[in-house]
Amino acid sequence: KKKKKKKVRKKRKKEKKKEKKVPKKRKKKINKRKERTKKKKEKNQRKKPKKKKQRKKQTFIKGKKIFSKKFNFKTNFKKIKFPNQPYQT
């Protein structure tokens, strides 16, 4: 009786193995970076364009004009050493 049972099991295993040999359908690999950039591009198209801020036109130090019309506040401020001498950008 025991031997018969084993044979049955073996047969079943073989049948299962045969079934497994059918090739599985492969999942299409998604390039995550491409997907992200695509989403960002779409999002950017939906966004309203930002308005550019106006830069400051004139500044005065001790009543003397130092800059010509447009300037970048941070960089130009470092360049000034003597407030009584006008600085040209």
PDB file of N, CA and C in Angstrom:
ATOM      1  N   LYS A   1       0.829  -1.212   0.000  1.00  0.00           N
ATOM      2  CA  LYS A   1       0.000   0.000   0.000  1.00  0.00           C
ATOM      3  C   LYS A   1       0.864   1.263   0.000  1.00  0.00           C
ATOM      4  N   LYS A   2       1.892   1.252   0.822  1.00  0.00           N
ATOM      5  CA  LYS A   2       2.756   2.425   0.921  1.00  0.00           C
ATOM      6  C   LYS A   2       3.404   2.736  -0.426  1.00  0.00           C
ATOM      7  N   LYS A   3       3.905   1.731  -1.103  1.00  0.00           N
ATOM      8  CA  LYS A   3       4.575   1.931  -2.383  1.00  0.00           C
ATOM      9  C   LYS A   3       3.632   2.570  -3.398  1.00  0.00           C
ATOM     10  N   LYS A   4       2.410   2.075  -3.440  1.00  0.00           N
ATOM     11  CA  LYS A   4       1.435   2.607  -4.383  1.00  0.00           C
ATOM     12  C   LYS A   4       1.234   4.105  -4.147  1.00  0.00           C
ATOM     13  N   LYS A   5       1.118   4.482  -2.887  1.00  0.00           N
ATOM     14  CA  LYS A   5       0.914   5.896  -2.560  1.00  0.00           C
ATOM     15  C   LYS A   5       2.065   6.744  -3.099  1.00  0.00           C
ATOM     16  N   LYS A   6       3.274   6.284  -2.895  1.00  0.00           N
ATOM     17  CA  LYS A   6       4.446   7.026  -3.356  1.00  0.00           C
ATOM     18  C   LYS A   6       4.397   7.230  -4.865  1.00  0.00           C
ATOM     19  N   LYS A   7       4.038   6.173  -5.578  1.00  0.00           N
ATOM     20  CA  LYS A   7       3.981   6.262  -7.029  1.00  0.00           C
ATOM     21  C   LYS A   7       2.980   7.322  -7.464  1.00  0.00           C
ATOM     22  N   VAL A   8       1.858   7.330  -6.819  1.00  0.00           N
ATOM     23  CA  VAL A   8       0.817   8.314  -7.148  1.00  0.00           C
ATOM     24  C   VAL A   8       1.370   9.726  -6.951  1.00  0.00           C
ATOM     25  N   ARG A   9       2.052   9.930  -5.841  1.00  0.00           N
ATOM     26  CA  ARG A   9       2.631  11.240  -5.543  1.00  0.00           C
ATOM     27  C   ARG A   9       3.623  11.638  -6.638  1.00  0.00           C
ATOM     28  N   LYS A  10       4.472  10.713  -6.998  1.00  0.00           N
ATOM     29  CA  LYS A  10       5.479  11.007  -8.019  1.00  0.00           C
ATOM     30  C   LYS A  10       4.809  11.411  -9.319  1.00  0.00           C
ATOM     31  N   LYS A  11       3.783  10.687  -9.694  1.00  0.00           N
ATOM     32  CA  LYS A  11       3.064  10.994 -10.928  1.00  0.00           C
ATOM     33  C   LYS A  11       2.516  12.412 -10.872  1.00  0.00           C
ATOM     34  N   ARG A  12       1.916  12.748  -9.749  1.00  0.00           N
ATOM     35  CA  ARG A  12       1.343  14.087  -9.575  1.00  0.00           C
ATOM     36  C   ARG A  12       2.438  15.152  -9.720  1.00  0.00           C
ATOM     37  N   LYS A  13       3.556  14.916  -9.083  1.00  0.00           N
ATOM     38  CA  LYS A  13       4.673  15.867  -9.157  1.00  0.00           C
ATOM     39  C   LYS A  13       5.100  16.075 -10.600  1.00  0.00           C
ATOM     40  N   LYS A  14       5.209  14.984 -11.339  1.00  0.00           N
ATOM     41  CA  LYS A  14       5.627  15.073 -12.742  1.00  0.00           C
ATOM     42  C   LYS A  14       4.632  15.899 -13.541  1.00  0.00           C
ATOM     43  N   GLU A  15       3.348  15.666 -13.286  1.00  0.00           N
ATOM     44  CA  GLU A  15       2.309  16.432 -13.987  1.00  0.00           C
ATOM     45  C   GLU A  15       2.445  17.918 -13.679  1.00  0.00           C
ATOM     46  N   LYS A  16       2.663  18.231 -12.429  1.00  0.00           N
ATOM     47  CA  LYS A  16       2.813  19.622 -12.022  1.00  0.00           C
ATOM     48  C   LYS A  16       4.009  20.261 -12.725  1.00  0.00           C
ATOM     49  N   LYS A  17       5.120  19.521 -12.767  1.00  0.00           N
ATOM     50  CA  LYS A  17       6.323  20.029 -13.422  1.00  0.00           C
ATOM     51  C   LYS A  17       6.042  20.352 -14.884  1.00  0.00           C
ATOM     52  N   LYS A  18       5.318  19.472 -15.544  1.00  0.00           N
ATOM     53  CA  LYS A  18       4.984  19.691 -16.948  1.00  0.00           C
ATOM     54  C   LYS A  18       4.186  20.980 -17.114  1.00  0.00           C
ATOM     55  N   GLU A  19       3.251  21.202 -16.196  1.00  0.00           N
ATOM     56  CA  GLU A  19       2.430  22.412 -16.263  1.00  0.00           C
ATOM     57  C   GLU A  19       3.288  23.661 -16.086  1.00  0.00           C
ATOM     58  N   LYS A  20       4.220  23.592 -15.168  1.00  0.00           N
ATOM     59  CA  LYS A  20       5.056  24.757 -14.864  1.00  0.00           C
ATOM     60  C   LYS A  20       5.914  25.190 -16.045  1.00  0.00           C
ATOM     61  N   LYS A  21       6.247  24.280 -16.925  1.00  0.00           N
ATOM     62  CA  LYS A  21       7.172  24.603 -17.998  1.00  0.00           C
ATOM     63  C   LYS A  21       6.610  25.573 -19.041  1.00  0.00           C
ATOM     64  N   VAL A  22       5.313  25.914 -18.927  1.00  0.00           N
ATOM     65  CA  VAL A  22       4.732  26.901 -19.840  1.00  0.00           C
ATOM     66  C   VAL A  22       5.359  28.265 -19.510  1.00  0.00           C
ATOM     67  N   PRO A  23       5.909  28.953 -20.505  1.00  0.00           N
ATOM     68  CA  PRO A  23       6.591  30.221 -20.199  1.00  0.00           C
ATOM     69  C   PRO A  23       5.623  31.294 -19.693  1.00  0.00           C
ATOM     70  N   LYS A  24       6.060  31.950 -18.651  1.00  0.00           N
ATOM     71  CA  LYS A  24       5.224  33.007 -18.067  1.00  0.00           C
ATOM     72  C   LYS A  24       5.315  34.260 -18.924  1.00  0.00           C
ATOM     73  N   LYS A  25       4.241  35.030 -18.864  1.00  0.00           N
ATOM     74  CA  LYS A  25       4.243  36.302 -19.584  1.00  0.00           C
ATOM     75  C   LYS A  25       5.083  37.284 -18.780  1.00  0.00           C
ATOM     76  N   ARG A  26       6.074  37.869 -19.432  1.00  0.00           N
ATOM     77  CA  ARG A  26       6.972  38.771 -18.707  1.00  0.00           C
ATOM     78  C   ARG A  26       6.352  40.147 -18.561  1.00  0.00           C
ATOM     79  N   LYS A  27       6.560  40.720 -17.393  1.00  0.00           N
ATOM     80  CA  LYS A  27       6.074  42.078 -17.160  1.00  0.00           C
ATOM     81  C   LYS A  27       6.971  43.054 -17.898  1.00  0.00           C
ATOM     82  N   LYS A  28       6.346  44.076 -18.463  1.00  0.00           N
ATOM     83  CA  LYS A  28       7.138  45.085 -19.152  1.00  0.00           C
ATOM     84  C   LYS A  28       7.838  45.938 -18.096  1.00  0.00           C
ATOM     85  N   LYS A  29       9.149  46.058 -18.236  1.00  0.00           N
ATOM     86  CA  LYS A  29       9.922  46.822 -17.250  1.00  0.00           C
ATOM     87  C   LYS A  29       9.684  48.317 -17.480  1.00  0.00           C
ATOM     88  N   ILE A  30       9.354  49.006 -16.401  1.00  0.00           N
ATOM     89  CA  ILE A  30       9.090  50.438 -16.502  1.00  0.00           C
ATOM     90  C   ILE A  30      10.329  51.197 -16.056  1.00  0.00           C
ATOM     91  N   ASN A  31      10.742  52.125 -16.892  1.00  0.00           N
ATOM     92  CA  ASN A  31      11.866  52.978 -16.519  1.00  0.00           C
ATOM     93  C   ASN A  31      11.324  54.097 -15.632  1.00  0.00           C
ATOM     94  N   LYS A  32      11.655  54.011 -14.335  1.00  0.00           N
ATOM     95  CA  LYS A  32      11.044  54.919 -13.365  1.00  0.00           C
ATOM     96  C   LYS A  32      11.460  56.364 -13.592  1.00  0.00           C
ATOM     97  N   ARG A  33      12.732  56.565 -13.957  1.00  0.00           N
ATOM     98  CA  ARG A  33      13.204  57.934 -14.162  1.00  0.00           C
ATOM     99  C   ARG A  33      12.438  58.603 -15.306  1.00  0.00           C
ATOM    100  N   LYS A  34      12.266  57.836 -16.405  1.00  0.00           N
ATOM    101  CA  LYS A  34      11.525  58.365 -17.553  1.00  0.00           C
ATOM    102  C   LYS A  34      10.102  58.733 -17.156  1.00  0.00           C
ATOM    103  N   GLU A  35       9.480  57.865 -16.370  1.00  0.00           N
ATOM    104  CA  GLU A  35       8.115  58.121 -15.927  1.00  0.00           C
ATOM    105  C   GLU A  35       8.051  59.407 -15.109  1.00  0.00           C
ATOM    106  N   ARG A  36       9.028  59.554 -14.201  1.00  0.00           N
ATOM    107  CA  ARG A  36       9.048  60.745 -13.340  1.00  0.00           C
ATOM    108  C   ARG A  36       9.195  62.011 -14.161  1.00  0.00           C
ATOM    109  N   THR A  37      10.133  61.991 -15.122  1.00  0.00           N
ATOM    110  CA  THR A  37      10.352  63.194 -15.926  1.00  0.00           C
ATOM    111  C   THR A  37       9.113  63.510 -16.758  1.00  0.00           C
ATOM    112  N   LYS A  38       8.451  62.456 -17.235  1.00  0.00           N
ATOM    113  CA  LYS A  38       7.231  62.655 -18.019  1.00  0.00           C
ATOM    114  C   LYS A  38       6.185  63.368 -17.173  1.00  0.00           C
ATOM    115  N   LYS A  39       6.006  62.871 -15.937  1.00  0.00           N
ATOM    116  CA  LYS A  39       5.009  63.465 -15.045  1.00  0.00           C
ATOM    117  C   LYS A  39       5.350  64.918 -14.752  1.00  0.00           C
ATOM    118  N   LYS A  40       6.639  65.179 -14.511  1.00  0.00           N
ATOM    119  CA  LYS A  40       7.060  66.551 -14.203  1.00  0.00           C
ATOM    120  C   LYS A  40       6.764  67.481 -15.366  1.00  0.00           C
ATOM    121  N   LYS A  41       7.084  67.016 -16.593  1.00  0.00           N
ATOM    122  CA  LYS A  41       6.837  67.832 -17.776  1.00  0.00           C
ATOM    123  C   LYS A  41       5.359  68.164 -17.915  1.00  0.00           C
ATOM    124  N   GLU A  42       4.521  67.147 -17.702  1.00  0.00           N
ATOM    125  CA  GLU A  42       3.073  67.372 -17.783  1.00  0.00           C
ATOM    126  C   GLU A  42       2.630  68.385 -16.744  1.00  0.00           C
ATOM    127  N   LYS A  43       3.160  68.238 -15.530  1.00  0.00           N
ATOM    128  CA  LYS A  43       2.804  69.136 -14.433  1.00  0.00           C
ATOM    129  C   LYS A  43       3.224  70.565 -14.767  1.00  0.00           C
ATOM    130  N   ASN A  44       4.428  70.708 -15.305  1.00  0.00           N
ATOM    131  CA  ASN A  44       4.933  72.036 -15.642  1.00  0.00           C
ATOM    132  C   ASN A  44       4.094  72.709 -16.723  1.00  0.00           C
ATOM    133  N   GLN A  45       3.580  71.902 -17.646  1.00  0.00           N
ATOM    134  CA  GLN A  45       2.743  72.481 -18.692  1.00  0.00           C
ATOM    135  C   GLN A  45       1.437  73.010 -18.126  1.00  0.00           C
ATOM    136  N   ARG A  46       0.940  72.338 -17.087  1.00  0.00           N
ATOM    137  CA  ARG A  46      -0.320  72.774 -16.477  1.00  0.00           C
ATOM    138  C   ARG A  46      -0.138  74.025 -15.619  1.00  0.00           C
ATOM    139  N   LYS A  47       1.066  74.224 -15.109  1.00  0.00           N
ATOM    140  CA  LYS A  47       1.330  75.366 -14.223  1.00  0.00           C
ATOM    141  C   LYS A  47       1.212  76.684 -14.979  1.00  0.00           C
ATOM    142  N   LYS A  48       0.842  77.724 -14.233  1.00  0.00           N
ATOM    143  CA  LYS A  48       0.840  79.063 -14.823  1.00  0.00           C
ATOM    144  C   LYS A  48       2.269  79.585 -14.784  1.00  0.00           C
ATOM    145  N   PRO A  49       2.677  80.323 -15.809  1.00  0.00           N
ATOM    146  CA  PRO A  49       4.034  80.880 -15.779  1.00  0.00           C
ATOM    147  C   PRO A  49       4.181  81.912 -14.662  1.00  0.00           C
ATOM    148  N   LYS A  50       5.319  81.859 -13.989  1.00  0.00           N
ATOM    149  CA  LYS A  50       5.563  82.796 -12.887  1.00  0.00           C
ATOM    150  C   LYS A  50       5.888  84.178 -13.423  1.00  0.00           C
ATOM    151  N   LYS A  51       5.453  85.187 -12.680  1.00  0.00           N
ATOM    152  CA  LYS A  51       5.819  86.547 -13.046  1.00  0.00           C
ATOM    153  C   LYS A  51       7.199  86.836 -12.487  1.00  0.00           C
ATOM    154  N   LYS A  52       8.014  87.521 -13.259  1.00  0.00           N
ATOM    155  CA  LYS A  52       9.343  87.875 -12.775  1.00  0.00           C
ATOM    156  C   LYS A  52       9.237  89.073 -11.845  1.00  0.00           C
ATOM    157  N   LYS A  53       9.970  88.982 -10.741  1.00  0.00           N
ATOM    158  CA  LYS A  53       9.962  90.104  -9.803  1.00  0.00           C
ATOM    159  C   LYS A  53      10.818  91.222 -10.361  1.00  0.00           C
ATOM    160  N   GLN A  54      10.390  92.453 -10.096  1.00  0.00           N
ATOM    161  CA  GLN A  54      11.187  93.593 -10.535  1.00  0.00           C
ATOM    162  C   GLN A  54      12.325  93.811  -9.556  1.00  0.00           C
ATOM    163  N   ARG A  55      13.485  94.123 -10.098  1.00  0.00           N
ATOM    164  CA  ARG A  55      14.619  94.394  -9.226  1.00  0.00           C
ATOM    165  C   ARG A  55      14.540  95.840  -8.747  1.00  0.00           C
ATOM    166  N   LYS A  56      15.231  96.075  -7.654  1.00  0.00           N
ATOM    167  CA  LYS A  56      15.249  97.439  -7.133  1.00  0.00           C
ATOM    168  C   LYS A  56      16.009  98.341  -8.094  1.00  0.00           C
ATOM    169  N   LYS A  57      15.502  99.552  -8.264  1.00  0.00           N
ATOM    170  CA  LYS A  57      16.107 100.445  -9.249  1.00  0.00           C
ATOM    171  C   LYS A  57      17.221 101.323  -8.633  1.00  0.00           C
ATOM    172  N   GLN A  58      16.930 101.967  -7.506  1.00  0.00           N
ATOM    173  CA  GLN A  58      17.912 102.903  -6.960  1.00  0.00           C
ATOM    174  C   GLN A  58      18.079 102.705  -5.460  1.00  0.00           C
ATOM    175  N   THR A  59      19.316 102.889  -4.980  1.00  0.00           N
ATOM    176  CA  THR A  59      19.521 102.898  -3.531  1.00  0.00           C
ATOM    177  C   THR A  59      20.366 104.116  -3.190  1.00  0.00           C
ATOM    178  N   PHE A  60      20.206 104.558  -1.981  1.00  0.00           N
ATOM    179  CA  PHE A  60      20.979 105.721  -1.528  1.00  0.00           C
ATOM    180  C   PHE A  60      21.700 105.359  -0.253  1.00  0.00           C
ATOM    181  N   ILE A  61      22.970 105.712  -0.181  1.00  0.00           N
ATOM    182  CA  ILE A  61      23.705 105.566   1.074  1.00  0.00           C
ATOM    183  C   ILE A  61      24.192 106.959   1.462  1.00  0.00           C
ATOM    184  N   LYS A  62      23.756 107.386   2.622  1.00  0.00           N
ATOM    185  CA  LYS A  62      24.074 108.742   3.116  1.00  0.00           C
ATOM    186  C   LYS A  62      23.768 109.792   2.055  1.00  0.00           C
ATOM    187  N   GLY A  63      22.601 109.625   1.408  1.00  0.00           N
ATOM    188  CA  GLY A  63      22.150 110.638   0.461  1.00  0.00           C
ATOM    189  C   GLY A  63      22.893 110.630  -0.866  1.00  0.00           C
ATOM    190  N   LYS A  64      23.782 109.653  -1.104  1.00  0.00           N
ATOM    191  CA  LYS A  64      24.493 109.640  -2.381  1.00  0.00           C
ATOM    192  C   LYS A  64      24.074 108.417  -3.182  1.00  0.00           C
ATOM    193  N   LYS A  65      23.803 108.597  -4.452  1.00  0.00           N
ATOM    194  CA  LYS A  65      23.387 107.483  -5.288  1.00  0.00           C
ATOM    195  C   LYS A  65      24.618 106.644  -5.631  1.00  0.00           C
ATOM    196  N   ILE A  66      24.528 105.339  -5.411  1.00  0.00           N
ATOM    197  CA  ILE A  66      25.690 104.478  -5.626  1.00  0.00           C
ATOM    198  C   ILE A  66      25.560 103.636  -6.885  1.00  0.00           C
ATOM    199  N   PHE A  67      24.377 103.074  -7.139  1.00  0.00           N
ATOM    200  CA  PHE A  67      24.247 102.130  -8.238  1.00  0.00           C
ATOM    201  C   PHE A  67      23.601 102.749  -9.456  1.00  0.00           C
ATOM    202  N   SER A  68      23.968 102.197 -10.601  1.00  0.00           N
ATOM    203  CA  SER A  68      23.199 102.526 -11.788  1.00  0.00           C
ATOM    204  C   SER A  68      21.934 101.668 -11.737  1.00  0.00           C
ATOM    205  N   LYS A  69      20.984 101.921 -12.623  1.00  0.00           N
ATOM    206  CA  LYS A  69      19.613 101.425 -12.510  1.00  0.00           C
ATOM    207  C   LYS A  69      19.439 100.008 -11.958  1.00  0.00           C
ATOM    208  N   LYS A  70      19.955  98.985 -12.660  1.00  0.00           N
ATOM    209  CA  LYS A  70      19.711  97.612 -12.198  1.00  0.00           C
ATOM    210  C   LYS A  70      20.946  97.075 -11.485  1.00  0.00           C
ATOM    211  N   PHE A  71      20.710  96.298 -10.427  1.00  0.00           N
ATOM    212  CA  PHE A  71      21.853  95.687  -9.760  1.00  0.00           C
ATOM    213  C   PHE A  71      21.375  94.504  -8.945  1.00  0.00           C
ATOM    214  N   ASN A  72      22.321  93.642  -8.669  1.00  0.00           N
ATOM    215  CA  ASN A  72      22.037  92.510  -7.798  1.00  0.00           C
ATOM    216  C   ASN A  72      22.489  92.897  -6.401  1.00  0.00           C
ATOM    217  N   PHE A  73      21.544  92.980  -5.478  1.00  0.00           N
ATOM    218  CA  PHE A  73      21.808  93.581  -4.176  1.00  0.00           C
ATOM    219  C   PHE A  73      22.954  92.903  -3.437  1.00  0.00           C
ATOM    220  N   LYS A  74      22.931  91.563  -3.376  1.00  0.00           N
ATOM    221  CA  LYS A  74      23.914  90.848  -2.552  1.00  0.00           C
ATOM    222  C   LYS A  74      25.338  91.028  -3.064  1.00  0.00           C
ATOM    223  N   THR A  75      25.568  90.758  -4.353  1.00  0.00           N
ATOM    224  CA  THR A  75      26.935  90.774  -4.857  1.00  0.00           C
ATOM    225  C   THR A  75      27.489  92.190  -4.866  1.00  0.00           C
ATOM    226  N   ASN A  76      26.665  93.136  -5.293  1.00  0.00           N
ATOM    227  CA  ASN A  76      27.182  94.491  -5.404  1.00  0.00           C
ATOM    228  C   ASN A  76      27.448  95.127  -4.053  1.00  0.00           C
ATOM    229  N   PHE A  77      26.706  94.712  -3.060  1.00  0.00           N
ATOM    230  CA  PHE A  77      26.918  95.305  -1.748  1.00  0.00           C
ATOM    231  C   PHE A  77      28.277  94.936  -1.188  1.00  0.00           C
ATOM    232  N   LYS A  78      28.729  93.716  -1.513  1.00  0.00           N
ATOM    233  CA  LYS A  78      30.042  93.284  -1.033  1.00  0.00           C
ATOM    234  C   LYS A  78      31.155  94.093  -1.688  1.00  0.00           C
ATOM    235  N   LYS A  79      30.940  94.491  -2.944  1.00  0.00           N
ATOM    236  CA  LYS A  79      31.983  95.213  -3.676  1.00  0.00           C
ATOM    237  C   LYS A  79      32.218  96.624  -3.135  1.00  0.00           C
ATOM    238  N   ILE A  80      31.199  97.206  -2.494  1.00  0.00           N
ATOM    239  CA  ILE A  80      31.335  98.587  -2.018  1.00  0.00           C
ATOM    240  C   ILE A  80      32.172  98.633  -0.749  1.00  0.00           C
ATOM    241  N   LYS A  81      33.207  99.457  -0.783  1.00  0.00           N
ATOM    242  CA  LYS A  81      34.029  99.608   0.421  1.00  0.00           C
ATOM    243  C   LYS A  81      33.852 100.994   1.034  1.00  0.00           C
ATOM    244  N   PHE A  82      33.745 102.001   0.180  1.00  0.00           N
ATOM    245  CA  PHE A  82      33.625 103.366   0.693  1.00  0.00           C
ATOM    246  C   PHE A  82      32.279 103.937   0.269  1.00  0.00           C
ATOM    247  N   PRO A  83      31.393 104.175   1.210  1.00  0.00           N
ATOM    248  CA  PRO A  83      30.062 104.659   0.852  1.00  0.00           C
ATOM    249  C   PRO A  83      30.054 106.048   0.221  1.00  0.00           C
ATOM    250  N   ASN A  84      31.132 106.828   0.390  1.00  0.00           N
ATOM    251  CA  ASN A  84      31.106 108.162  -0.212  1.00  0.00           C
ATOM    252  C   ASN A  84      31.606 108.166  -1.659  1.00  0.00           C
ATOM    253  N   GLN A  85      32.053 107.013  -2.177  1.00  0.00           N
ATOM    254  CA  GLN A  85      32.450 106.965  -3.587  1.00  0.00           C
ATOM    255  C   GLN A  85      31.385 106.231  -4.398  1.00  0.00           C
ATOM    256  N   PRO A  86      30.867 106.851  -5.447  1.00  0.00           N
ATOM    257  CA  PRO A  86      29.850 106.168  -6.253  1.00  0.00           C
ATOM    258  C   PRO A  86      30.438 104.936  -6.938  1.00  0.00           C
ATOM    259  N   TYR A  87      29.684 103.864  -6.961  1.00  0.00           N
ATOM    260  CA  TYR A  87      30.160 102.608  -7.545  1.00  0.00           C
ATOM    261  C   TYR A  87      29.366 102.308  -8.803  1.00  0.00           C
ATOM    262  N   GLN A  88      30.061 102.062  -9.895  1.00  0.00           N
ATOM    263  CA  GLN A  88      29.354 101.791 -11.151  1.00  0.00           C
ATOM    264  C   GLN A  88      29.276 100.295 -11.408  1.00  0.00           C
ATOM    265  N   THR A  89      28.090  99.859 -11.850  1.00  0.00           N
ATOM    266  CA  THR A  89      27.938  98.432 -12.175  1.00  0.00           C
ATOM    267  C   THR A  89      28.012  98.261 -13.679  1.00  0.00           C
TER     268      THR A  89
END
